[in-house]
Protein backbone atom coordinates (compact mmCIF):
# COMPACT_ATOMS: atom_id res chain seq x y z
CA MET A 1 148.27 -75.31 -54.47
CA THR A 2 149.95 -72.63 -52.76
CA GLN A 3 148.33 -73.38 -49.40
CA ASP A 4 149.93 -76.73 -49.46
CA LEU A 5 153.35 -75.35 -49.69
CA LEU A 6 155.17 -73.60 -46.92
CA PRO A 7 155.66 -70.07 -47.35
CA ILE A 8 159.58 -69.43 -47.49
CA THR A 9 161.05 -72.84 -48.68
CA ARG A 10 158.02 -73.68 -50.90
CA ILE A 11 158.16 -77.21 -49.52
CA PRO A 12 154.87 -79.46 -49.14
CA ARG A 13 153.35 -79.04 -45.70
CA THR A 14 153.21 -83.22 -45.73
CA GLY A 15 154.40 -86.10 -47.17
CA LEU A 16 158.37 -85.77 -47.12
CA PRO A 17 160.50 -88.33 -45.43
CA ALA A 18 161.02 -87.98 -42.03
CA HIS A 19 164.87 -88.62 -41.96
CA ALA A 20 167.23 -85.97 -43.66
CA VAL A 21 170.44 -84.75 -45.25
CA VAL A 22 170.72 -81.07 -45.29
CA VAL A 23 173.60 -79.55 -47.22
CA GLY A 24 174.82 -76.06 -48.15
CA ASP A 25 175.13 -76.21 -51.95
CA PRO A 26 172.00 -76.93 -54.38
CA ALA A 27 174.32 -78.98 -56.42
CA ARG A 28 175.46 -81.04 -53.56
CA ALA A 29 172.00 -81.80 -52.74
CA ALA A 30 171.64 -83.05 -56.23
CA VAL A 31 174.95 -85.36 -55.64
CA VAL A 32 173.59 -86.99 -52.61
CA ALA A 33 170.08 -87.69 -53.92
CA ALA A 34 171.87 -89.25 -56.85
CA LEU A 35 172.79 -92.27 -54.47
CA LEU A 36 169.11 -92.74 -53.84
CA ASP A 37 166.78 -95.14 -55.08
CA GLY A 38 163.91 -93.61 -56.62
CA ALA A 39 165.08 -90.03 -56.31
CA GLU A 40 162.76 -87.10 -57.18
CA GLU A 41 163.16 -83.54 -57.25
CA VAL A 42 160.41 -82.04 -54.70
CA SER A 43 160.79 -78.48 -54.92
CA TYR A 44 163.47 -75.79 -55.76
CA HIS A 45 162.87 -72.18 -54.58
CA ARG A 46 165.64 -69.92 -53.87
CA GLU A 47 168.50 -71.72 -52.37
CA TYR A 48 166.31 -74.50 -50.99
CA ARG A 49 166.35 -77.57 -53.24
CA VAL A 50 164.70 -80.49 -51.82
CA PHE A 51 164.64 -84.17 -53.05
CA SER A 52 163.12 -87.52 -51.89
CA GLY A 53 164.12 -91.09 -52.30
CA SER A 54 165.33 -93.92 -50.46
CA TRP A 55 168.63 -95.18 -49.01
CA LYS A 56 168.71 -99.20 -48.33
CA GLY A 57 164.78 -98.99 -48.09
CA LEU A 58 164.73 -95.93 -45.73
CA PRO A 59 162.71 -92.96 -47.04
CA VAL A 60 165.04 -90.11 -47.04
CA THR A 61 165.00 -86.13 -47.58
CA VAL A 62 167.79 -84.21 -49.03
CA ALA A 63 167.73 -80.49 -48.92
CA SER A 64 169.85 -77.61 -49.51
CA HIS A 65 169.97 -74.52 -47.13
CA GLY A 66 172.40 -72.20 -48.61
CA VAL A 67 175.11 -70.34 -47.02
CA GLY A 68 174.76 -68.91 -43.20
CA GLY A 69 172.70 -69.48 -40.17
CA PRO A 70 169.89 -66.74 -40.81
CA GLY A 71 168.76 -68.54 -44.07
CA ALA A 72 169.42 -72.19 -43.14
CA ILE A 73 167.43 -71.95 -39.99
CA LEU A 74 164.33 -71.15 -42.15
CA LEU A 75 164.75 -74.39 -43.98
CA PHE A 76 165.20 -76.65 -40.76
CA GLN A 77 162.25 -75.01 -38.93
CA GLU A 78 160.09 -75.71 -42.28
CA LEU A 79 161.36 -79.09 -42.69
CA ALA A 80 160.28 -79.87 -38.85
CA ASP A 81 156.79 -78.24 -39.71
CA ALA A 82 156.62 -80.63 -42.65
CA GLY A 83 157.52 -83.67 -40.48
CA VAL A 84 160.90 -84.28 -40.52
CA ARG A 85 162.29 -85.57 -37.41
CA THR A 86 166.07 -86.61 -37.93
CA PHE A 87 168.49 -84.36 -39.65
CA LEU A 88 172.06 -84.77 -40.46
CA ARG A 89 173.83 -81.50 -41.76
CA PHE A 90 176.46 -82.52 -44.06
CA GLY A 91 178.71 -79.70 -45.08
CA THR A 92 182.34 -78.44 -45.57
CA ALA A 93 184.44 -76.88 -42.76
CA GLY A 94 187.97 -75.50 -42.11
CA ALA A 95 190.36 -77.26 -39.89
CA MET A 96 191.42 -76.00 -36.55
CA LYS A 97 193.72 -78.01 -35.30
CA PRO A 98 196.47 -80.05 -36.43
CA GLY A 99 196.15 -83.75 -37.39
CA ILE A 100 192.95 -83.02 -39.47
CA GLY A 101 193.50 -83.29 -43.31
CA ASP A 102 191.81 -81.91 -46.40
CA GLY A 103 188.89 -84.55 -47.32
CA ASP A 104 188.86 -85.74 -43.67
CA LEU A 105 185.24 -85.79 -41.84
CA VAL A 106 184.77 -83.81 -38.73
CA ILE A 107 181.87 -85.32 -36.76
CA ALA A 108 180.50 -82.54 -34.66
CA GLU A 109 179.75 -83.32 -30.84
CA ALA A 110 178.70 -79.75 -30.28
CA ALA A 111 179.04 -76.02 -31.84
CA VAL A 112 180.05 -72.76 -30.63
CA ARG A 113 176.85 -70.39 -31.27
CA ASP A 114 178.18 -67.61 -33.21
CA ASP A 115 175.88 -68.27 -35.92
CA GLY A 116 174.42 -64.92 -36.05
CA VAL A 117 170.74 -65.89 -35.63
CA THR A 118 170.29 -67.86 -32.60
CA GLN A 119 171.29 -65.26 -30.42
CA GLN A 120 168.27 -63.39 -31.39
CA LEU A 121 166.18 -66.52 -30.36
CA LEU A 122 167.32 -67.36 -26.85
CA PRO A 123 170.24 -66.72 -24.31
CA PRO A 124 173.59 -67.21 -25.34
CA GLU A 125 174.31 -69.64 -22.34
CA TYR A 126 171.74 -72.28 -24.31
CA PRO A 127 174.05 -74.90 -25.67
CA ALA A 128 174.16 -76.31 -29.24
CA VAL A 129 174.90 -80.04 -28.85
CA ALA A 130 174.28 -82.84 -31.34
CA THR A 131 172.15 -85.72 -30.12
CA PRO A 132 174.57 -88.57 -28.91
CA GLU A 133 173.10 -91.07 -30.66
CA ALA A 134 173.82 -89.22 -34.30
CA VAL A 135 177.37 -88.85 -33.24
CA LEU A 136 177.67 -92.35 -32.63
CA ALA A 137 175.88 -93.11 -36.12
CA LEU A 138 177.88 -90.91 -37.90
CA GLN A 139 181.09 -92.46 -36.11
CA ARG A 140 180.03 -95.96 -37.07
CA ALA A 141 179.32 -95.15 -40.65
CA ALA A 142 182.73 -93.43 -40.94
CA ARG A 143 184.64 -96.35 -39.87
CA ALA A 144 182.40 -98.64 -41.99
CA ALA A 145 183.21 -96.54 -44.95
CA ASP A 146 186.87 -96.21 -43.88
CA ALA A 147 186.85 -92.64 -44.19
CA PRO A 148 189.45 -90.56 -42.12
CA HIS A 149 187.15 -88.92 -39.52
CA HIS A 150 187.67 -86.76 -36.22
CA ARG A 151 185.25 -86.06 -33.26
CA GLY A 152 185.03 -82.54 -31.60
CA ILE A 153 183.50 -79.08 -31.27
CA VAL A 154 183.04 -77.05 -34.15
CA TRP A 155 182.79 -73.17 -34.42
CA THR A 156 179.43 -71.93 -36.25
CA ARG A 157 180.61 -68.59 -37.40
CA ALA A 158 178.53 -66.03 -39.40
CA ALA A 159 181.29 -64.03 -41.17
CA PHE A 160 183.10 -66.18 -43.87
CA GLN A 161 185.55 -63.38 -44.44
CA PRO A 162 187.73 -61.63 -41.94
CA GLY A 163 186.77 -57.92 -41.26
CA ILE A 164 187.98 -54.76 -39.46
CA LEU A 165 187.22 -56.37 -35.85
CA PRO A 166 189.76 -58.44 -34.48
CA LEU A 167 188.63 -62.07 -34.86
CA PHE A 168 188.13 -63.69 -31.46
CA SER A 169 190.43 -66.25 -30.67
CA TYR A 170 189.73 -70.12 -29.60
CA ASP A 171 193.19 -70.78 -29.34
CA GLY A 172 193.86 -73.64 -26.65
CA ALA A 173 189.86 -74.19 -26.85
CA GLY A 174 190.47 -77.54 -28.94
CA LEU A 175 187.98 -76.61 -31.65
CA ALA A 176 187.97 -79.19 -34.47
CA ALA A 177 186.49 -77.05 -37.30
CA ILE A 178 184.93 -73.98 -38.24
CA GLU A 179 181.56 -73.81 -40.45
CA MET A 180 178.80 -71.53 -40.77
CA GLU A 181 175.37 -73.35 -40.19
CA LEU A 182 175.62 -76.30 -37.79
CA SER A 183 174.80 -74.54 -34.44
CA ALA A 184 171.43 -73.16 -36.16
CA LEU A 185 170.61 -76.79 -36.57
CA LEU A 186 171.41 -78.29 -33.35
CA VAL A 187 169.53 -75.25 -31.48
CA THR A 188 166.29 -75.64 -33.63
CA ALA A 189 166.49 -79.45 -33.06
CA SER A 190 166.74 -79.35 -29.13
CA LEU A 191 164.21 -76.71 -28.85
CA ARG A 192 161.81 -78.78 -31.01
CA GLY A 193 162.65 -82.27 -29.63
CA LEU A 194 164.61 -83.41 -33.00
CA VAL A 195 167.38 -85.68 -33.54
CA ALA A 196 170.21 -84.00 -35.07
CA GLY A 197 174.13 -84.05 -35.80
CA GLY A 198 176.44 -83.04 -38.35
CA VAL A 199 179.69 -84.45 -40.37
CA LEU A 200 181.94 -81.87 -42.13
CA VAL A 201 184.24 -82.51 -44.94
CA VAL A 202 187.48 -80.54 -44.39
CA ASP A 203 188.44 -78.52 -47.35
CA GLY A 204 191.10 -76.16 -46.13
CA ALA A 205 192.79 -74.86 -42.80
CA ASN A 206 191.52 -71.81 -40.84
CA ALA A 207 193.93 -71.81 -37.75
CA ASP A 208 196.91 -69.52 -38.67
CA GLU A 209 199.39 -71.86 -37.71
CA LEU A 210 198.01 -74.31 -40.15
CA VAL A 211 197.55 -72.46 -43.13
CA ASP A 212 200.76 -72.94 -45.73
CA ALA A 213 199.49 -70.52 -48.68
CA GLU A 214 202.66 -71.02 -50.55
CA ALA A 215 202.13 -74.69 -50.41
CA THR A 216 198.43 -75.11 -51.22
CA GLY A 217 198.11 -71.80 -53.38
CA GLY A 218 195.44 -70.35 -50.94
CA TYR A 219 192.01 -71.29 -50.15
CA ASP A 220 190.85 -73.83 -52.72
CA PRO A 221 187.61 -76.13 -51.97
CA HIS A 222 187.65 -77.56 -55.27
CA ARG A 223 190.66 -80.04 -55.25
CA ASP A 224 190.32 -83.62 -56.12
CA VAL A 225 191.01 -84.39 -52.19
CA VAL A 226 187.91 -82.44 -51.01
CA ALA A 227 185.66 -84.06 -53.87
CA ALA A 228 186.67 -87.64 -52.67
CA GLY A 229 185.97 -86.50 -49.17
CA VAL A 230 182.46 -85.29 -50.39
CA GLU A 231 181.90 -88.68 -52.04
CA ARG A 232 182.77 -90.59 -48.78
CA GLY A 233 180.77 -88.07 -46.23
CA ALA A 234 177.53 -88.40 -48.68
CA VAL A 235 177.50 -92.24 -48.10
CA VAL A 236 178.48 -91.75 -44.35
CA SER A 237 175.58 -89.34 -44.01
CA LEU A 238 173.16 -91.40 -45.32
CA GLU A 239 173.83 -94.61 -43.66
CA ALA A 240 174.25 -92.79 -40.31
CA LEU A 241 170.69 -92.00 -41.22
CA ARG A 242 169.79 -95.51 -41.63
CA LEU A 243 171.52 -96.36 -38.42
CA LEU A 244 169.50 -93.70 -36.62
CA ALA A 245 166.14 -95.07 -37.98
CA GLU A 246 167.11 -98.53 -36.65
CA GLU A 247 167.85 -97.09 -33.17
CA TYR A 248 164.71 -95.33 -32.73
CA SER A 249 162.55 -98.03 -34.22
CA ALA A 250 164.08 -100.57 -31.84
């Protein structure tokens, strides 16, 4: 019955596992879900594709949120309404400083709130910070998987392509990577008392001094090195959820 479904994402109001991996691409949601035991597709409406299953005995939700903060925050809010209490965003990002290579993982400690939506919800001074335990769980899982990884602050920016307006420079600020949705998740989690974090697979370089278009042929997120990073990142995300479940049940 329609009254048992939430209005935007069309996910069930009850019954979803409380621990979730959220991704942008619906196809990636299916890839992550394929790692679960007993995976089932719960719903698929617009960009919001949702699965449930279990990882090493932990019930898990996997859901896609599409591209950009405004649409993604609708999924985060409705998943929280449905009972999800722990969120890990598993996405892709562009490297912002030297030493971070294609296929590496970036574990976010916090995010710059340039997401195009949270500025309309609360003052810009409010921080977008990951739950410390989520950062540590992701780091432990990355080490266990022998996955190249880095920790740092990421820039969540609503615009993907450059426009006429000059791009505000964060040169010298030490940002690790740039992506499009994480700060919306971190703010939502802080406001609602949820556990949240993010791990991102680097699929290119965004800082001007790092870009070598001649060597790389320009931006191409479909290379084998990125696909290998996605495979590692999916396992890291799920294992970090398990570690967080242990942390909060202890």
